[in-house]
Amino acid sequence: QVQLVESGGGLVQPGGSLRLSCAASGSITNINTMGWYRQAPGKQRELVATITSGGSTKYADSVKGRFTISRDTAKNTVYLQMNSLKPDDTAVYYCNSGISYGFGYVPNRWGQGTQVTVSS
């Protein structure tokens, strides 16, 4: 079973950037979809971005134009580049893998999460 480990979180000022990494313990080549969710204190977990094995990407409206999801199959790693960060982006970010169906993405494996705090 593939395990997922996130890194790259931290404290950043508004307007700054961070890049999150999600390292898989095995090959990601045949994983249908990988994605990032986030959960802020007192809020429900929110889907941020997904990327399929074919390279198709989707984003939440709240991060479009600011965040970019990508993957490096040679390194078995998925990235989330976050630019123009806002205080509302403060959350624990979770990497996950799963399957995209016609009705949406269903994750079935999760990392432990990494904290992102946007504050001056």
C-alpha atoms as a PDB file:
ATOM      1  CA  GLN A   1       0.000   0.000   0.000  1.00  0.00           C
ATOM      2  CA  VAL A   2       1.292   3.424  -0.954  1.00  0.00           C
ATOM      3  CA  GLN A   3       1.873   5.806   1.944  1.00  0.00           C
ATOM      4  CA  LEU A   4       1.778   9.571   1.507  1.00  0.00           C
ATOM      5  CA  VAL A   5       3.960  12.041   3.418  1.00  0.00           C
ATOM      6  CA  GLU A   6       3.474  15.810   3.140  1.00  0.00           C
ATOM      7  CA  SER A   7       6.096  18.480   3.732  1.00  0.00           C
ATOM      8  CA  GLY A   8       6.663  22.142   3.039  1.00  0.00           C
ATOM      9  CA  GLY A   9       4.152  23.774   5.339  1.00  0.00           C
ATOM     10  CA  GLY A  10       4.983  26.680   7.599  1.00  0.00           C
ATOM     11  CA  LEU A  11       4.353  30.307   8.436  1.00  0.00           C
ATOM     12  CA  VAL A  12       4.237  32.835   5.606  1.00  0.00           C
ATOM     13  CA  GLN A  13       3.159  36.453   5.308  1.00  0.00           C
ATOM     14  CA  PRO A  14       0.121  37.437   3.234  1.00  0.00           C
ATOM     15  CA  GLY A  15       1.088  37.650  -0.424  1.00  0.00           C
ATOM     16  CA  GLY A  16       3.856  35.117   0.017  1.00  0.00           C
ATOM     17  CA  SER A  17       4.363  31.673  -1.475  1.00  0.00           C
ATOM     18  CA  LEU A  18       4.864  28.114  -0.321  1.00  0.00           C
ATOM     19  CA  ARG A  19       5.321  24.829  -2.122  1.00  0.00           C
ATOM     20  CA  LEU A  20       3.914  21.703  -0.526  1.00  0.00           C
ATOM     21  CA  SER A  21       5.272  18.299  -1.446  1.00  0.00           C
ATOM     22  CA  CYS A  22       3.634  14.897  -1.135  1.00  0.00           C
ATOM     23  CA  ALA A  23       6.043  11.997  -1.380  1.00  0.00           C
ATOM     24  CA  ALA A  24       4.563   8.584  -2.095  1.00  0.00           C
ATOM     25  CA  SER A  25       6.257   5.411  -0.854  1.00  0.00           C
ATOM     26  CA  GLY A  26       5.606   3.747  -4.205  1.00  0.00           C
ATOM     27  CA  SER A  27       4.965   4.554  -7.830  1.00  0.00           C
ATOM     28  CA  ILE A  28       2.249   7.115  -8.558  1.00  0.00           C
ATOM     29  CA  THR A  29       2.189   6.338 -12.274  1.00  0.00           C
ATOM     30  CA  ASN A  30      -0.901   4.139 -12.056  1.00  0.00           C
ATOM     31  CA  ILE A  31      -2.755   6.120  -9.404  1.00  0.00           C
ATOM     32  CA  ASN A  32      -5.926   7.457 -11.034  1.00  0.00           C
ATOM     33  CA  THR A  33      -5.991  10.793  -9.210  1.00  0.00           C
ATOM     34  CA  MET A  34      -4.032  12.620  -6.549  1.00  0.00           C
ATOM     35  CA  GLY A  35      -5.206  15.673  -4.739  1.00  0.00           C
ATOM     36  CA  TRP A  36      -4.937  18.128  -1.904  1.00  0.00           C
ATOM     37  CA  TYR A  37      -7.594  18.900   0.670  1.00  0.00           C
ATOM     38  CA  ARG A  38      -7.393  21.454   3.452  1.00  0.00           C
ATOM     39  CA  GLN A  39      -9.165  21.949   6.750  1.00  0.00           C
ATOM     40  CA  ALA A  40      -9.251  25.178   8.684  1.00  0.00           C
ATOM     41  CA  PRO A  41     -10.194  25.312  12.385  1.00  0.00           C
ATOM     42  CA  GLY A  42     -13.939  24.993  12.807  1.00  0.00           C
ATOM     43  CA  LYS A  43     -14.529  24.361   9.105  1.00  0.00           C
ATOM     44  CA  GLN A  44     -15.223  21.333   6.964  1.00  0.00           C
ATOM     45  CA  ARG A  45     -12.479  19.725   4.942  1.00  0.00           C
ATOM     46  CA  GLU A  46     -12.311  21.357   1.492  1.00  0.00           C
ATOM     47  CA  LEU A  47     -11.022  19.946  -1.785  1.00  0.00           C
ATOM     48  CA  VAL A  48      -8.326  22.294  -3.087  1.00  0.00           C
ATOM     49  CA  ALA A  49      -6.946  20.653  -6.234  1.00  0.00           C
ATOM     50  CA  THR A  50      -6.656  17.353  -8.082  1.00  0.00           C
ATOM     51  CA  ILE A  51      -4.493  15.946 -10.843  1.00  0.00           C
ATOM     52  CA  THR A  52      -5.231  12.790 -12.815  1.00  0.00           C
ATOM     53  CA  SER A  53      -2.815  10.234 -14.220  1.00  0.00           C
ATOM     54  CA  GLY A  54      -3.379  11.917 -17.590  1.00  0.00           C
ATOM     55  CA  GLY A  55      -2.363  15.283 -16.182  1.00  0.00           C
ATOM     56  CA  SER A  56      -5.797  16.910 -16.037  1.00  0.00           C
ATOM     57  CA  THR A  57      -6.168  19.354 -13.170  1.00  0.00           C
ATOM     58  CA  LYS A  58      -9.066  20.868 -11.252  1.00  0.00           C
ATOM     59  CA  TYR A  59      -9.105  23.599  -8.630  1.00  0.00           C
ATOM     60  CA  ALA A  60     -11.458  25.039  -6.071  1.00  0.00           C
ATOM     61  CA  ASP A  61     -12.741  28.462  -7.128  1.00  0.00           C
ATOM     62  CA  SER A  62     -11.083  29.979  -4.055  1.00  0.00           C
ATOM     63  CA  VAL A  63      -7.581  29.055  -5.254  1.00  0.00           C
ATOM     64  CA  LYS A  64      -7.855  29.293  -9.054  1.00  0.00           C
ATOM     65  CA  GLY A  65      -5.110  31.427 -10.510  1.00  0.00           C
ATOM     66  CA  ARG A  66      -3.058  31.249  -7.294  1.00  0.00           C
ATOM     67  CA  PHE A  67      -2.382  27.548  -6.712  1.00  0.00           C
ATOM     68  CA  THR A  68      -0.884  25.008  -9.108  1.00  0.00           C
ATOM     69  CA  ILE A  69      -0.881  21.238  -8.652  1.00  0.00           C
ATOM     70  CA  SER A  70       1.732  19.171 -10.454  1.00  0.00           C
ATOM     71  CA  ARG A  71       3.378  15.798 -10.236  1.00  0.00           C
ATOM     72  CA  ASP A  72       6.762  14.263 -10.915  1.00  0.00           C
ATOM     73  CA  THR A  73       6.359  10.556 -11.623  1.00  0.00           C
ATOM     74  CA  ALA A  74      10.121  10.006 -11.575  1.00  0.00           C
ATOM     75  CA  LYS A  75      10.185  11.210  -7.965  1.00  0.00           C
ATOM     76  CA  ASN A  76       6.763   9.791  -7.029  1.00  0.00           C
ATOM     77  CA  THR A  77       5.878  13.227  -5.722  1.00  0.00           C
ATOM     78  CA  VAL A  78       2.948  15.593  -6.098  1.00  0.00           C
ATOM     79  CA  TYR A  79       3.335  19.316  -5.472  1.00  0.00           C
ATOM     80  CA  LEU A  80       1.058  22.188  -4.597  1.00  0.00           C
ATOM     81  CA  GLN A  81       2.556  25.565  -5.468  1.00  0.00           C
ATOM     82  CA  MET A  82       0.715  28.263  -3.534  1.00  0.00           C
ATOM     83  CA  ASN A  83       1.169  31.910  -4.505  1.00  0.00           C
ATOM     84  CA  SER A  84      -0.461  35.133  -3.349  1.00  0.00           C
ATOM     85  CA  LEU A  85      -1.380  33.486  -0.090  1.00  0.00           C
ATOM     86  CA  LYS A  86      -4.151  34.953   2.027  1.00  0.00           C
ATOM     87  CA  PRO A  87      -5.009  34.522   5.716  1.00  0.00           C
ATOM     88  CA  ASP A  88      -8.043  32.484   4.587  1.00  0.00           C
ATOM     89  CA  ASP A  89      -5.625  29.892   3.191  1.00  0.00           C
ATOM     90  CA  THR A  90      -4.550  29.029   6.729  1.00  0.00           C
ATOM     91  CA  ALA A  91      -5.333  25.348   7.263  1.00  0.00           C
ATOM     92  CA  VAL A  92      -3.914  21.877   7.588  1.00  0.00           C
ATOM     93  CA  TYR A  93      -3.259  20.620   4.064  1.00  0.00           C
ATOM     94  CA  TYR A  94      -3.693  16.918   3.330  1.00  0.00           C
ATOM     95  CA  CYS A  95      -2.355  15.002   0.363  1.00  0.00           C
ATOM     96  CA  ASN A  96      -4.480  12.114  -0.858  1.00  0.00           C
ATOM     97  CA  SER A  97      -4.904   9.597  -3.638  1.00  0.00           C
ATOM     98  CA  GLY A  98      -8.048   8.108  -5.075  1.00  0.00           C
ATOM     99  CA  ILE A  99     -10.309   7.840  -8.102  1.00  0.00           C
ATOM    100  CA  SER A 100     -12.145  10.424 -10.155  1.00  0.00           C
ATOM    101  CA  TYR A 101     -15.644   9.364 -11.106  1.00  0.00           C
ATOM    102  CA  GLY A 102     -18.204  11.149 -13.228  1.00  0.00           C
ATOM    103  CA  PHE A 103     -19.715  12.652 -10.071  1.00  0.00           C
ATOM    104  CA  GLY A 104     -16.408  13.706  -8.569  1.00  0.00           C
ATOM    105  CA  TYR A 105     -13.208  12.691  -6.841  1.00  0.00           C
ATOM    106  CA  VAL A 106     -13.219  10.064  -4.099  1.00  0.00           C
ATOM    107  CA  PRO A 107      -9.995   9.861  -2.073  1.00  0.00           C
ATOM    108  CA  ASN A 108      -9.105   6.566  -0.407  1.00  0.00           C
ATOM    109  CA  ARG A 109      -5.673   7.210   1.069  1.00  0.00           C
ATOM    110  CA  TRP A 110      -4.452  10.182   3.094  1.00  0.00           C
ATOM    111  CA  GLY A 111      -1.271  11.697   4.386  1.00  0.00           C
ATOM    112  CA  GLN A 112      -0.890  13.026   7.900  1.00  0.00           C
ATOM    113  CA  GLY A 113      -1.229  16.682   6.928  1.00  0.00           C
ATOM    114  CA  THR A 114       0.990  19.750   7.052  1.00  0.00           C
ATOM    115  CA  GLN A 115       0.125  23.085   8.668  1.00  0.00           C
ATOM    116  CA  VAL A 116       0.077  26.249   6.574  1.00  0.00           C
ATOM    117  CA  THR A 117      -0.335  29.530   8.443  1.00  0.00           C
ATOM    118  CA  VAL A 118      -0.676  32.828   6.598  1.00  0.00           C
ATOM    119  CA  SER A 119      -0.209  35.735   8.970  1.00  0.00           C
ATOM    120  CA  SER A 120       1.676  38.978   9.352  1.00  0.00           C
END
